[in-house]
Amino acid sequence: MRSVRVLTVLTRRLWPSRAVDEFVLSTVLLFLAVTVVRWLRDPGSALRVADPDVAIVVIAALGGTVLTALILSPPGRRSGGHMNPAVTVSLWLMGVFPGRGVLPYVLAQLAGSAAGTGLARLVWGRPVSGPGVGWAALGPGPGWQPPAVLLAEVGGMAAIVLAVGFVLAHDRLARLLPYAVGLSVALVIALLGTRSGGSVNPARQLGPALLAGHTEDLWIYLLAPILGAALGAGLDRILGRLPGRRRLPAAAPRTAGVPRTVSAPRTAEGADGSYESNGPVLVAAGCGRVVREQWPRPRRGAGAGPAGGRGCGPVAGSRRRPGRRPRMRSSPAPSAAPRIGA
């Protein structure tokens, strides 16, 4: 394998922009979530669905559709479209997301939760904070005690993580990842919505609960998805060792004696032909697969990944002639960076 020069300064520049994408996506997600609840549950709405069981199914279907669309949107393609701290943590635990990106992503997602909820109140007015809507804050159903709510939310998130891990581990299914995420989240909401609340996303509950002042059960909805993410990632690791199951590609290890560098493949960045390294792996930028580009790129049909090497985003959209190595953006800072590889 040709040696790859890793420019850590470009890595540091990448995460702030990706975190901004996550903030925008989370803001839009919460705005649309509150909007759906406002129109379907407000007593004065012409679109109100009186039956709670029917309403939660409609909300689940719309929520899954919105989530899939956001993952496939341009910001979702750039950042991976997590919009959920538990998803970010689970992908990190599964070894397909760099640890340096976890904190920026999580902070951006939680900030987007508050921003999206506040924006919905600004746009739709008093009905958002009125009876029947209550800022779209979630809560357990009648008779559901905190331990039961905690277990249900943990199980729901673990099921979603297992679904994501299963899809990522099969190249033929990897392009369906955005749809698998949307479908699995919709099913969990439909199943748990009238029972435990069906949040499975700390960002989904934080903004509405804080603005509504309903914080008595907030700790459950913040903690349970993270525990579910850890449980799902652990089960996925165990299942990955079974015969016939392809394990997820592990993040590249740190190279001994090379401080502040990572042995990582290059990923495409921008349409100007420049390439940047964003750590060991960038997860499924909307196309539904782990982007782990090597250079020189394998010839088509020779182990180049799904569809004979065809990818998505900037890599697939480029029209460079085969065999030409793209030029790397120059940077004065890492001139002394070592060359890694054989």
Foldseek 3Di string as FASTA:
>chain_A
DDWDFADLVLLVVQLVVLLLLLLVLLLVLLLVLLVLQLQQFQPPHPNHDPDPLVSLLVSLLVSLVSQLVSCQDQSNLSNVSPLFLLSLLLCVLLQAHDPVNNVSNVVSSQNSLQNNLVVNCVVVPDSCCDPRRNSVAFAFAPPDDLVNLLVLLLQLLLVLLLQLLQQQQDLVNQQCNSSSNSVSLSVQSSVCCNGSNSLLGLSNHNNSCVVSVPCPNSVSSNPSSNNSSVVNSVVSVVVCPDPPTPRHDHFFDADPPAPSGTRAAWDDDDQPLAIHDNGHWRARSSSRYIDRAHPVQDAFPPPLTPPRVQDDDNVNPDDDDRPDDTDHDDDDPVPVHDIDDD
